[in-house]
């Protein structure tokens, strides 16, 4: 049994109980969203109010609320970790990179992502520099981007399921050195690199 109590500034206390935490989660979210504003304000006569909340879900019982002693500002006091603020399951996190960097809009195509993953799996590059080359070429082919930078590579490596190097910027520079020449800087676009013909010949099993 999951129980959640909510105290309002006008001394009203709302209590919910349910056998299913997911259902309780939704009910609490709806109540908090639809509470009248006058219930969120302190009463002028010092009295308390009584409110009743019901839920249209099975195995859920909503208890009538009773007046409590004066307390602090509204607070949700969940008895279990499951009774947290509601979230929308249909909204994807804005970040696909472990450091919290937002996914660039160019990479939001689902079909492009699937094609990019297949491209990386087919290439199966070994080593960080080869993977950077493949990621840059895959991003160009399947997302239409002109070169990649260190931040974008973090997301591209995550999607491909590759372990990230310690420093993407240094890996990009190493692959672009004259000793290798697998990447080249894009003129006028600081920090962005594209794969060279030599780099592709060294990394792709098939094009």
N, C-alpha and C. Protein backbone atom coordinates (compact mmCIF):
# COMPACT_ATOMS: atom_id res chain seq x y z
N UNK A 1 0.85 -1.19 0.00
CA UNK A 1 0.00 0.00 0.00
C UNK A 1 0.88 1.25 0.00
N UNK A 2 0.62 2.16 -0.95
CA UNK A 2 1.37 3.41 -1.06
C UNK A 2 0.48 4.55 -0.56
N UNK A 3 1.03 5.41 0.28
CA UNK A 3 0.26 6.51 0.87
C UNK A 3 0.99 7.82 0.66
N UNK A 4 0.24 8.86 0.25
CA UNK A 4 0.82 10.19 0.03
C UNK A 4 -0.08 11.21 0.73
N UNK A 5 0.56 12.13 1.49
CA UNK A 5 -0.18 13.20 2.16
C UNK A 5 0.30 14.54 1.63
N UNK A 6 -0.64 15.47 1.38
CA UNK A 6 -0.32 16.81 0.89
C UNK A 6 -0.95 17.82 1.85
N UNK A 7 -0.13 18.77 2.36
CA UNK A 7 -0.61 19.82 3.25
C UNK A 7 -0.67 21.14 2.51
N UNK A 8 -1.79 21.85 2.56
CA UNK A 8 -1.97 23.13 1.89
C UNK A 8 -1.87 24.27 2.89
N UNK A 9 -1.61 25.51 2.41
CA UNK A 9 -1.45 26.66 3.32
C UNK A 9 -2.70 26.96 4.13
N UNK A 10 -3.89 26.56 3.62
CA UNK A 10 -5.12 26.86 4.35
C UNK A 10 -5.47 25.76 5.35
N UNK A 11 -4.46 24.98 5.73
CA UNK A 11 -4.60 23.93 6.73
C UNK A 11 -5.34 22.69 6.23
N UNK A 12 -5.57 22.62 4.94
CA UNK A 12 -6.20 21.43 4.37
C UNK A 12 -5.14 20.35 4.13
N UNK A 13 -5.48 19.14 4.46
CA UNK A 13 -4.57 18.02 4.22
C UNK A 13 -5.26 17.01 3.32
N UNK A 14 -4.57 16.60 2.26
CA UNK A 14 -5.10 15.62 1.32
C UNK A 14 -4.28 14.35 1.43
N UNK A 15 -4.96 13.22 1.54
CA UNK A 15 -4.29 11.94 1.68
C UNK A 15 -4.76 10.98 0.60
N UNK A 16 -3.81 10.29 -0.04
CA UNK A 16 -4.12 9.30 -1.07
C UNK A 16 -3.52 7.96 -0.67
N UNK A 17 -4.24 6.90 -0.98
CA UNK A 17 -3.73 5.54 -0.77
C UNK A 17 -4.07 4.69 -1.98
N UNK A 18 -3.16 3.82 -2.36
CA UNK A 18 -3.40 2.95 -3.50
C UNK A 18 -2.50 1.73 -3.43
N UNK A 19 -2.99 0.63 -3.98
CA UNK A 19 -2.15 -0.57 -4.08
C UNK A 19 -1.15 -0.45 -5.22
N UNK A 20 -1.45 0.43 -6.20
CA UNK A 20 -0.60 0.57 -7.38
C UNK A 20 0.04 1.95 -7.39
N UNK A 21 1.35 1.98 -7.27
CA UNK A 21 2.06 3.26 -7.21
C UNK A 21 1.92 4.05 -8.50
N UNK A 22 1.81 3.36 -9.66
CA UNK A 22 1.71 4.08 -10.92
C UNK A 22 0.39 4.85 -11.01
N UNK A 23 -0.70 4.20 -10.53
CA UNK A 23 -1.99 4.87 -10.54
C UNK A 23 -1.99 6.05 -9.59
N UNK A 24 -1.41 5.86 -8.40
CA UNK A 24 -1.33 6.94 -7.43
C UNK A 24 -0.52 8.10 -7.98
N UNK A 25 0.53 7.77 -8.70
CA UNK A 25 1.38 8.78 -9.34
C UNK A 25 0.54 9.69 -10.23
N UNK A 26 -0.33 9.10 -11.08
CA UNK A 26 -1.16 9.88 -11.99
C UNK A 26 -2.18 10.71 -11.23
N UNK A 27 -2.80 10.12 -10.20
CA UNK A 27 -3.83 10.83 -9.45
C UNK A 27 -3.26 12.06 -8.76
N UNK A 28 -2.11 11.89 -8.10
CA UNK A 28 -1.47 13.03 -7.42
C UNK A 28 -1.15 14.13 -8.41
N UNK A 29 -0.65 13.73 -9.60
CA UNK A 29 -0.32 14.73 -10.62
C UNK A 29 -1.53 15.52 -11.06
N UNK A 30 -2.67 14.82 -11.27
CA UNK A 30 -3.89 15.51 -11.69
C UNK A 30 -4.42 16.45 -10.61
N UNK A 31 -4.37 16.01 -9.35
CA UNK A 31 -4.87 16.84 -8.26
C UNK A 31 -4.03 18.10 -8.10
N UNK A 32 -2.73 17.96 -8.12
CA UNK A 32 -1.84 19.13 -7.96
C UNK A 32 -2.02 20.10 -9.10
N UNK A 33 -2.30 19.57 -10.30
CA UNK A 33 -2.46 20.44 -11.46
C UNK A 33 -3.78 21.19 -11.45
N UNK A 34 -4.84 20.56 -10.92
CA UNK A 34 -6.18 21.12 -11.02
C UNK A 34 -6.70 21.74 -9.73
N UNK A 35 -5.88 21.81 -8.69
CA UNK A 35 -6.35 22.40 -7.43
C UNK A 35 -6.77 23.86 -7.64
N UNK A 36 -7.91 24.26 -7.13
CA UNK A 36 -8.32 25.68 -7.23
C UNK A 36 -7.30 26.57 -6.53
N UNK A 37 -7.13 27.76 -7.07
CA UNK A 37 -6.14 28.67 -6.50
C UNK A 37 -6.49 29.10 -5.08
N UNK A 38 -7.80 29.17 -4.77
CA UNK A 38 -8.15 29.62 -3.43
C UNK A 38 -7.73 28.61 -2.36
N UNK A 39 -7.58 27.35 -2.76
CA UNK A 39 -7.09 26.36 -1.80
C UNK A 39 -5.60 26.49 -1.53
N UNK A 40 -4.90 27.15 -2.46
CA UNK A 40 -3.45 27.32 -2.31
C UNK A 40 -3.10 28.57 -1.52
N UNK A 41 -4.14 29.35 -1.09
CA UNK A 41 -3.89 30.57 -0.35
C UNK A 41 -4.34 30.40 1.09
N UNK A 42 -3.69 31.11 2.00
CA UNK A 42 -4.05 31.03 3.42
C UNK A 42 -5.44 31.62 3.63
N UNK A 43 -6.31 30.97 4.41
CA UNK A 43 -7.67 31.48 4.66
C UNK A 43 -7.65 32.72 5.53
N UNK A 44 -8.57 33.67 5.25
CA UNK A 44 -8.62 34.91 6.04
C UNK A 44 -9.27 34.70 7.40
N UNK A 45 -10.15 33.66 7.51
CA UNK A 45 -10.84 33.47 8.78
C UNK A 45 -10.11 32.49 9.70
N UNK A 46 -8.99 31.99 9.28
CA UNK A 46 -8.20 31.10 10.12
C UNK A 46 -8.76 29.71 10.19
N UNK A 47 -9.88 29.43 9.51
CA UNK A 47 -10.47 28.11 9.57
C UNK A 47 -9.85 27.19 8.54
N UNK A 48 -10.25 25.96 8.56
CA UNK A 48 -9.72 24.98 7.63
C UNK A 48 -10.79 24.53 6.67
N UNK A 49 -10.39 23.91 5.60
CA UNK A 49 -11.31 23.38 4.62
C UNK A 49 -11.14 21.88 4.52
N UNK A 50 -12.16 21.26 4.00
CA UNK A 50 -12.11 19.82 3.79
C UNK A 50 -12.34 19.54 2.32
N UNK A 51 -11.47 18.77 1.72
CA UNK A 51 -11.59 18.45 0.29
C UNK A 51 -11.63 16.95 0.11
N UNK A 52 -12.28 16.51 -0.97
CA UNK A 52 -12.39 15.08 -1.27
C UNK A 52 -11.84 14.85 -2.67
N UNK A 53 -10.94 13.89 -2.82
CA UNK A 53 -10.37 13.56 -4.13
C UNK A 53 -10.70 12.12 -4.46
N UNK A 54 -11.10 11.87 -5.71
CA UNK A 54 -11.39 10.51 -6.14
C UNK A 54 -10.56 10.18 -7.36
N UNK A 55 -10.36 8.91 -7.61
CA UNK A 55 -9.56 8.46 -8.75
C UNK A 55 -10.36 7.46 -9.56
N UNK A 56 -10.32 7.60 -10.90
CA UNK A 56 -11.05 6.69 -11.76
C UNK A 56 -10.22 5.52 -12.20
N UNK A 57 -9.42 4.93 -11.35
CA UNK A 57 -8.56 3.79 -11.65
C UNK A 57 -8.91 2.66 -10.70
N UNK A 58 -8.67 1.43 -11.16
CA UNK A 58 -8.95 0.27 -10.33
C UNK A 58 -7.93 0.17 -9.22
N UNK A 59 -8.35 -0.46 -8.11
CA UNK A 59 -7.48 -0.70 -6.97
C UNK A 59 -6.97 0.59 -6.35
N UNK A 60 -7.67 1.71 -6.53
CA UNK A 60 -7.23 2.98 -5.99
C UNK A 60 -8.32 3.53 -5.07
N UNK A 61 -7.95 3.91 -3.86
CA UNK A 61 -8.91 4.52 -2.95
C UNK A 61 -8.42 5.89 -2.57
N UNK A 62 -9.28 6.90 -2.77
CA UNK A 62 -8.91 8.26 -2.41
C UNK A 62 -9.66 8.61 -1.14
N UNK A 63 -8.96 9.02 -0.12
CA UNK A 63 -9.57 9.30 1.17
C UNK A 63 -9.97 10.76 1.25
N UNK A 64 -11.10 11.02 1.93
CA UNK A 64 -11.51 12.40 2.15
C UNK A 64 -10.49 13.07 3.03
N UNK A 65 -10.28 14.35 2.81
CA UNK A 65 -9.23 15.06 3.53
C UNK A 65 -9.81 15.72 4.76
N UNK A 66 -8.98 15.86 5.75
CA UNK A 66 -9.42 16.43 7.01
C UNK A 66 -8.57 17.63 7.35
N UNK A 67 -9.12 18.53 8.15
CA UNK A 67 -8.39 19.74 8.56
C UNK A 67 -7.27 19.36 9.51
N UNK A 68 -6.10 19.92 9.26
CA UNK A 68 -4.94 19.64 10.10
C UNK A 68 -4.52 20.92 10.80
N UNK A 69 -3.58 20.81 11.70
CA UNK A 69 -3.06 21.97 12.40
C UNK A 69 -2.26 22.82 11.44
N UNK A 70 -2.13 24.12 11.72
CA UNK A 70 -1.39 25.00 10.81
C UNK A 70 0.01 24.46 10.56
N UNK A 71 0.41 24.54 9.33
CA UNK A 71 1.73 24.03 8.96
C UNK A 71 2.42 24.96 8.00
N UNK A 72 3.57 24.56 7.51
CA UNK A 72 4.34 25.39 6.57
C UNK A 72 3.70 25.40 5.19
N UNK A 73 4.45 25.85 4.20
CA UNK A 73 3.99 25.93 2.82
C UNK A 73 3.63 24.55 2.31
N UNK A 74 2.87 24.44 1.20
CA UNK A 74 2.44 23.15 0.68
C UNK A 74 3.62 22.22 0.50
N UNK A 75 3.43 20.99 0.91
CA UNK A 75 4.51 20.02 0.78
C UNK A 75 3.93 18.65 0.51
N UNK A 76 4.56 17.89 -0.37
CA UNK A 76 4.16 16.51 -0.65
C UNK A 76 5.05 15.61 0.16
N UNK A 77 4.44 14.74 0.93
CA UNK A 77 5.20 13.87 1.83
C UNK A 77 5.00 12.41 1.43
N UNK A 78 5.67 11.93 0.40
CA UNK A 78 5.48 10.54 -0.04
C UNK A 78 6.09 9.57 0.96
N UNK A 79 5.40 8.43 1.14
CA UNK A 79 5.93 7.39 2.02
C UNK A 79 6.81 6.40 1.29
N UNK A 80 6.78 6.48 -0.05
CA UNK A 80 7.65 5.59 -0.84
C UNK A 80 8.28 6.40 -1.96
N UNK A 81 9.44 5.97 -2.47
CA UNK A 81 10.10 6.68 -3.57
C UNK A 81 9.24 6.72 -4.82
N UNK A 82 8.27 5.81 -4.95
CA UNK A 82 7.46 5.75 -6.17
C UNK A 82 6.55 6.95 -6.30
N UNK A 83 6.18 7.59 -5.17
CA UNK A 83 5.24 8.71 -5.21
C UNK A 83 5.99 10.01 -5.38
N UNK A 84 6.54 10.22 -6.54
CA UNK A 84 7.30 11.43 -6.86
C UNK A 84 6.48 12.27 -7.81
N UNK A 85 7.00 13.47 -8.12
CA UNK A 85 6.27 14.36 -9.01
C UNK A 85 6.05 13.68 -10.35
N UNK A 86 4.88 13.84 -10.96
CA UNK A 86 4.57 13.14 -12.20
C UNK A 86 5.44 13.61 -13.34
N UNK A 87 5.69 12.72 -14.25
CA UNK A 87 6.45 13.05 -15.44
C UNK A 87 5.69 12.55 -16.65
N UNK A 88 5.97 13.13 -17.81
CA UNK A 88 5.29 12.72 -19.03
C UNK A 88 6.13 11.68 -19.74
N UNK A 89 5.65 10.42 -19.84
CA UNK A 89 6.46 9.36 -20.45
C UNK A 89 6.61 9.52 -21.95
N UNK A 90 5.82 10.43 -22.56
CA UNK A 90 5.90 10.59 -24.00
C UNK A 90 6.95 11.59 -24.44
N UNK A 91 7.58 12.25 -23.46
CA UNK A 91 8.61 13.23 -23.78
C UNK A 91 9.98 12.62 -23.55
N UNK A 92 10.80 12.59 -24.60
CA UNK A 92 12.14 12.04 -24.46
C UNK A 92 13.04 13.04 -23.76
N UNK A 93 14.02 12.57 -23.01
CA UNK A 93 14.99 13.50 -22.42
C UNK A 93 15.67 14.30 -23.51
N UNK A 94 15.96 15.54 -23.22
CA UNK A 94 16.59 16.39 -24.22
C UNK A 94 18.04 16.06 -24.41
N UNK A 95 18.56 15.23 -23.61
CA UNK A 95 19.98 14.93 -23.70
C UNK A 95 20.22 13.49 -24.06
N UNK A 96 21.12 13.29 -25.05
CA UNK A 96 21.51 11.94 -25.41
C UNK A 96 22.96 11.73 -25.07
N UNK A 97 23.59 12.69 -24.43
CA UNK A 97 25.00 12.60 -24.08
C UNK A 97 25.11 12.56 -22.58
N UNK A 98 25.98 11.72 -22.07
CA UNK A 98 26.06 11.50 -20.64
C UNK A 98 26.42 12.75 -19.86
N UNK A 99 27.07 13.75 -20.49
CA UNK A 99 27.45 14.95 -19.76
C UNK A 99 26.34 16.00 -19.78
N UNK A 100 25.17 15.67 -20.34
CA UNK A 100 24.04 16.58 -20.31
C UNK A 100 23.93 17.49 -21.51
N UNK A 101 24.79 17.36 -22.53
CA UNK A 101 24.72 18.18 -23.71
C UNK A 101 23.48 17.82 -24.52
N UNK A 102 22.72 18.81 -24.97
CA UNK A 102 21.49 18.55 -25.72
C UNK A 102 21.80 17.94 -27.08
N UNK A 103 20.90 17.07 -27.55
CA UNK A 103 21.07 16.45 -28.86
C UNK A 103 20.85 17.51 -29.93
N UNK A 104 21.79 17.66 -30.86
CA UNK A 104 21.60 18.63 -31.95
C UNK A 104 20.36 18.27 -32.75
N UNK A 105 19.63 19.28 -33.23
CA UNK A 105 18.38 19.03 -33.95
C UNK A 105 18.59 18.22 -35.22
N UNK A 106 19.78 18.32 -35.81
CA UNK A 106 20.05 17.57 -37.04
C UNK A 106 19.99 16.06 -36.82
N UNK A 107 20.17 15.62 -35.56
CA UNK A 107 20.26 14.19 -35.28
C UNK A 107 18.95 13.59 -34.74
N UNK A 108 17.84 14.30 -34.89
CA UNK A 108 16.59 13.83 -34.32
C UNK A 108 15.84 12.86 -35.23
N UNK A 109 16.29 12.66 -36.46
CA UNK A 109 15.63 11.76 -37.40
C UNK A 109 15.77 10.31 -36.95
N UNK A 110 14.63 9.64 -36.74
CA UNK A 110 14.67 8.24 -36.30
C UNK A 110 15.22 7.34 -37.40
N UNK A 111 14.82 7.60 -38.65
CA UNK A 111 15.32 6.78 -39.76
C UNK A 111 16.81 7.01 -39.96
N UNK A 112 17.24 8.27 -39.79
CA UNK A 112 18.66 8.57 -39.90
C UNK A 112 19.46 7.88 -38.81
N UNK A 113 18.90 7.82 -37.60
CA UNK A 113 19.58 7.17 -36.48
C UNK A 113 19.75 5.67 -36.74
N UNK A 114 18.69 5.03 -37.25
CA UNK A 114 18.75 3.60 -37.53
C UNK A 114 19.80 3.31 -38.60
N UNK A 115 19.81 4.16 -39.65
CA UNK A 115 20.78 3.97 -40.73
C UNK A 115 22.21 4.22 -40.23
N UNK A 116 22.36 5.19 -39.35
CA UNK A 116 23.68 5.49 -38.79
C UNK A 116 24.20 4.31 -37.96
N UNK A 117 23.34 3.73 -37.13
CA UNK A 117 23.75 2.59 -36.30
C UNK A 117 24.18 1.42 -37.18
N UNK A 118 23.41 1.14 -38.25
CA UNK A 118 23.75 0.05 -39.16
C UNK A 118 25.09 0.33 -39.86
N UNK A 119 25.31 1.59 -40.22
CA UNK A 119 26.56 1.98 -40.87
C UNK A 119 27.76 1.72 -39.96
N UNK A 120 27.63 2.11 -38.69
CA UNK A 120 28.72 1.92 -37.73
C UNK A 120 28.97 0.44 -37.46
N UNK A 121 27.90 -0.34 -37.35
CA UNK A 121 28.06 -1.77 -37.10
C UNK A 121 28.71 -2.46 -38.28
N UNK A 122 28.38 -2.04 -39.47
CA UNK A 122 28.97 -2.63 -40.66
C UNK A 122 30.46 -2.30 -40.76
N UNK A 123 30.80 -1.05 -40.41
CA UNK A 123 32.22 -0.65 -40.47
C UNK A 123 33.03 -1.33 -39.39
N UNK A 124 32.45 -1.43 -38.18
CA UNK A 124 33.11 -2.09 -37.05
C UNK A 124 34.55 -1.63 -36.86
N UNK A 125 34.78 -0.33 -36.69
CA UNK A 125 36.16 0.18 -36.57
C UNK A 125 36.78 -0.16 -35.22
N UNK A 126 38.08 -0.34 -35.22
CA UNK A 126 38.82 -0.64 -33.99
C UNK A 126 39.70 0.57 -33.65
N UNK A 127 39.59 1.04 -32.42
CA UNK A 127 40.39 2.18 -31.99
C UNK A 127 39.60 3.48 -32.08
N UNK A 128 39.93 4.41 -31.19
CA UNK A 128 39.20 5.66 -31.09
C UNK A 128 39.28 6.50 -32.36
N UNK A 129 40.45 6.60 -32.98
CA UNK A 129 40.59 7.44 -34.16
C UNK A 129 39.78 6.90 -35.33
N UNK A 130 39.79 5.60 -35.52
CA UNK A 130 38.99 5.02 -36.60
C UNK A 130 37.50 5.22 -36.34
N UNK A 131 37.09 5.10 -35.08
CA UNK A 131 35.68 5.30 -34.75
C UNK A 131 35.24 6.74 -34.98
N UNK A 132 36.14 7.68 -34.68
CA UNK A 132 35.83 9.09 -34.93
C UNK A 132 35.62 9.33 -36.42
N UNK A 133 36.46 8.72 -37.25
CA UNK A 133 36.33 8.86 -38.70
C UNK A 133 34.99 8.29 -39.17
N UNK A 134 34.67 7.09 -38.71
CA UNK A 134 33.41 6.45 -39.10
C UNK A 134 32.21 7.27 -38.62
N UNK A 135 32.27 7.79 -37.38
CA UNK A 135 31.18 8.59 -36.85
C UNK A 135 30.98 9.86 -37.68
N UNK A 136 32.07 10.51 -38.07
CA UNK A 136 31.99 11.72 -38.88
C UNK A 136 31.37 11.43 -40.24
N UNK A 137 31.80 10.34 -40.86
CA UNK A 137 31.26 9.98 -42.17
C UNK A 137 29.80 9.53 -42.06
N UNK A 138 29.49 8.77 -41.02
CA UNK A 138 28.12 8.33 -40.82
C UNK A 138 27.18 9.50 -40.58
N UNK A 139 27.63 10.48 -39.82
CA UNK A 139 26.81 11.67 -39.57
C UNK A 139 26.56 12.44 -40.86
N UNK A 140 27.57 12.48 -41.72
CA UNK A 140 27.44 13.17 -43.01
C UNK A 140 26.46 12.44 -43.93
N UNK A 141 26.56 11.13 -43.98
CA UNK A 141 25.71 10.35 -44.89
C UNK A 141 24.27 10.27 -44.43
N UNK A 142 24.06 10.09 -43.13
CA UNK A 142 22.72 9.75 -42.65
C UNK A 142 22.01 10.88 -41.90
N UNK A 143 22.76 11.92 -41.52
CA UNK A 143 22.12 13.07 -40.88
C UNK A 143 22.34 14.36 -41.68
N UNK A 144 23.16 14.28 -42.72
CA UNK A 144 23.37 15.43 -43.58
C UNK A 144 24.16 16.56 -42.95
N UNK A 145 24.99 16.26 -41.94
CA UNK A 145 25.77 17.32 -41.29
C UNK A 145 27.14 17.44 -41.95
N UNK A 146 27.64 18.65 -41.97
CA UNK A 146 28.93 18.92 -42.59
C UNK A 146 30.02 18.89 -41.51
N UNK A 147 30.55 17.70 -41.26
CA UNK A 147 31.57 17.55 -40.24
C UNK A 147 30.97 17.45 -38.84
N UNK A 148 31.81 17.10 -37.88
CA UNK A 148 31.36 16.95 -36.50
C UNK A 148 32.35 17.64 -35.56
N UNK A 149 31.87 17.95 -34.35
CA UNK A 149 32.75 18.50 -33.33
C UNK A 149 32.79 17.54 -32.13
N UNK A 150 33.53 17.92 -31.11
CA UNK A 150 33.72 17.03 -29.97
C UNK A 150 32.41 16.73 -29.24
N UNK A 151 31.54 17.73 -29.07
CA UNK A 151 30.28 17.51 -28.37
C UNK A 151 29.37 16.55 -29.12
N UNK A 152 29.26 16.74 -30.43
CA UNK A 152 28.41 15.87 -31.24
C UNK A 152 28.93 14.44 -31.24
N UNK A 153 30.24 14.28 -31.20
CA UNK A 153 30.81 12.94 -31.18
C UNK A 153 30.39 12.17 -29.92
N UNK A 154 30.21 12.89 -28.81
CA UNK A 154 29.75 12.22 -27.59
C UNK A 154 28.42 11.53 -27.82
N UNK A 155 27.48 12.24 -28.47
CA UNK A 155 26.18 11.65 -28.76
C UNK A 155 26.30 10.54 -29.81
N UNK A 156 27.11 10.77 -30.84
CA UNK A 156 27.27 9.77 -31.91
C UNK A 156 27.87 8.48 -31.38
N UNK A 157 28.81 8.58 -30.45
CA UNK A 157 29.41 7.38 -29.86
C UNK A 157 28.37 6.64 -29.00
N UNK A 158 27.56 7.40 -28.27
CA UNK A 158 26.52 6.77 -27.45
C UNK A 158 25.55 5.98 -28.32
N UNK A 159 25.12 6.57 -29.42
CA UNK A 159 24.17 5.90 -30.31
C UNK A 159 24.79 4.65 -30.92
N UNK A 160 26.07 4.73 -31.27
CA UNK A 160 26.74 3.57 -31.87
C UNK A 160 27.08 2.51 -30.83
N UNK A 161 27.00 2.86 -29.55
CA UNK A 161 27.32 1.90 -28.49
C UNK A 161 28.81 1.73 -28.27
N UNK A 162 29.58 2.76 -28.58
CA UNK A 162 31.04 2.69 -28.42
C UNK A 162 31.48 3.35 -27.12
N UNK A 163 32.57 2.82 -26.57
CA UNK A 163 33.20 3.45 -25.40
C UNK A 163 33.82 4.77 -25.83
N UNK A 164 33.61 5.80 -25.02
CA UNK A 164 34.13 7.12 -25.37
C UNK A 164 35.60 7.25 -24.97
N UNK A 165 36.39 7.95 -25.79
CA UNK A 165 37.78 8.24 -25.40
C UNK A 165 37.80 9.28 -24.30
N UNK A 166 38.95 9.45 -23.68
CA UNK A 166 39.05 10.41 -22.60
C UNK A 166 38.88 11.85 -23.06
N UNK A 167 39.28 12.15 -24.31
CA UNK A 167 39.23 13.52 -24.81
C UNK A 167 38.95 13.50 -26.31
N UNK A 168 37.72 13.86 -26.68
CA UNK A 168 37.36 13.84 -28.10
C UNK A 168 38.15 14.88 -28.90
N UNK A 169 38.38 16.03 -28.30
CA UNK A 169 39.11 17.07 -29.02
C UNK A 169 40.50 16.60 -29.41
N UNK A 170 41.19 15.96 -28.48
CA UNK A 170 42.53 15.46 -28.77
C UNK A 170 42.48 14.33 -29.79
N UNK A 171 41.47 13.48 -29.73
CA UNK A 171 41.34 12.39 -30.70
C UNK A 171 41.12 12.95 -32.10
N UNK A 172 40.28 13.98 -32.20
CA UNK A 172 40.08 14.62 -33.50
C UNK A 172 41.38 15.20 -34.05
N UNK A 173 42.13 15.87 -33.20
CA UNK A 173 43.38 16.48 -33.65
C UNK A 173 44.40 15.42 -34.08
N UNK A 174 44.44 14.32 -33.33
CA UNK A 174 45.39 13.25 -33.68
C UNK A 174 45.06 12.66 -35.05
N UNK A 175 43.76 12.42 -35.29
CA UNK A 175 43.37 11.82 -36.57
C UNK A 175 43.59 12.79 -37.73
N UNK A 176 43.65 14.10 -37.43
CA UNK A 176 43.85 15.10 -38.48
C UNK A 176 45.32 15.45 -38.70
N UNK A 177 46.21 14.93 -37.87
CA UNK A 177 47.63 15.22 -38.03
C UNK A 177 48.14 14.70 -39.37
N UNK A 178 49.17 15.33 -39.87
CA UNK A 178 49.73 14.93 -41.16
C UNK A 178 50.23 13.49 -41.16
N UNK A 179 50.56 12.98 -39.98
CA UNK A 179 51.02 11.59 -39.87
C UNK A 179 49.93 10.61 -40.29
N UNK A 180 48.67 10.99 -40.03
CA UNK A 180 47.54 10.13 -40.40
C UNK A 180 46.74 10.73 -41.56
N UNK A 181 46.25 11.92 -41.37
CA UNK A 181 45.45 12.56 -42.42
C UNK A 181 44.09 11.91 -42.62
N UNK A 182 43.53 11.35 -41.56
CA UNK A 182 42.24 10.67 -41.68
C UNK A 182 41.07 11.64 -41.59
N UNK A 183 41.31 12.78 -40.96
CA UNK A 183 40.31 13.84 -40.86
C UNK A 183 40.90 15.14 -41.37
N UNK A 184 40.03 16.08 -41.71
CA UNK A 184 40.49 17.41 -42.11
C UNK A 184 39.58 18.45 -41.49
N UNK A 185 40.16 19.59 -41.13
CA UNK A 185 39.37 20.69 -40.58
C UNK A 185 38.47 21.26 -41.67
N UNK A 186 37.29 21.69 -41.27
CA UNK A 186 36.39 22.36 -42.21
C UNK A 186 36.69 23.86 -42.14
N UNK A 187 37.10 24.47 -43.22
CA UNK A 187 37.47 25.89 -43.22
C UNK A 187 36.33 26.77 -42.71
N UNK A 188 36.69 27.70 -41.83
CA UNK A 188 35.71 28.65 -41.32
C UNK A 188 34.79 28.12 -40.25
N UNK A 189 34.97 26.86 -39.85
CA UNK A 189 34.09 26.28 -38.81
C UNK A 189 34.98 25.65 -37.75
N UNK A 190 35.28 26.44 -36.73
CA UNK A 190 36.22 26.04 -35.70
C UNK A 190 35.78 24.76 -34.99
N UNK A 191 36.71 23.84 -34.86
CA UNK A 191 36.46 22.62 -34.11
C UNK A 191 35.71 21.54 -34.85
N UNK A 192 35.37 21.78 -36.14
CA UNK A 192 34.63 20.78 -36.90
C UNK A 192 35.56 20.07 -37.88
N UNK A 193 35.39 18.76 -37.95
CA UNK A 193 36.24 17.93 -38.80
C UNK A 193 35.38 17.02 -39.67
N UNK A 194 35.91 16.71 -40.85
CA UNK A 194 35.25 15.77 -41.77
C UNK A 194 36.24 14.68 -42.15
N UNK A 195 35.72 13.51 -42.52
CA UNK A 195 36.58 12.40 -42.91
C UNK A 195 37.20 12.66 -44.27
N UNK A 196 38.44 12.23 -44.46
CA UNK A 196 39.11 12.34 -45.75
C UNK A 196 39.00 11.01 -46.50
N UNK A 197 39.36 11.04 -47.78
CA UNK A 197 39.34 9.81 -48.57
C UNK A 197 40.29 8.78 -47.98
N UNK A 198 41.45 9.24 -47.52
CA UNK A 198 42.42 8.33 -46.89
C UNK A 198 41.83 7.74 -45.62
N UNK A 199 41.17 8.58 -44.82
CA UNK A 199 40.57 8.09 -43.58
C UNK A 199 39.53 7.03 -43.84
N UNK A 200 38.70 7.23 -44.85
CA UNK A 200 37.67 6.24 -45.17
C UNK A 200 38.27 4.94 -45.66
N UNK A 201 39.37 5.04 -46.41
CA UNK A 201 40.00 3.81 -46.91
C UNK A 201 40.63 3.01 -45.77
N UNK A 202 40.98 3.70 -44.69
CA UNK A 202 41.60 3.02 -43.54
C UNK A 202 40.58 2.47 -42.54
N UNK A 203 39.35 2.91 -42.65
CA UNK A 203 38.38 2.56 -41.60
C UNK A 203 37.18 1.76 -42.07
N UNK A 204 36.74 1.97 -43.29
CA UNK A 204 35.52 1.31 -43.75
C UNK A 204 35.82 -0.02 -44.43
N UNK A 205 35.12 -1.06 -43.97
CA UNK A 205 35.24 -2.37 -44.61
C UNK A 205 34.54 -2.35 -45.94
N UNK A 206 33.46 -1.56 -46.01
CA UNK A 206 32.74 -1.39 -47.27
C UNK A 206 32.03 -0.07 -47.22
N UNK A 207 31.82 0.53 -48.35
CA UNK A 207 31.15 1.84 -48.40
C UNK A 207 29.76 1.71 -48.96
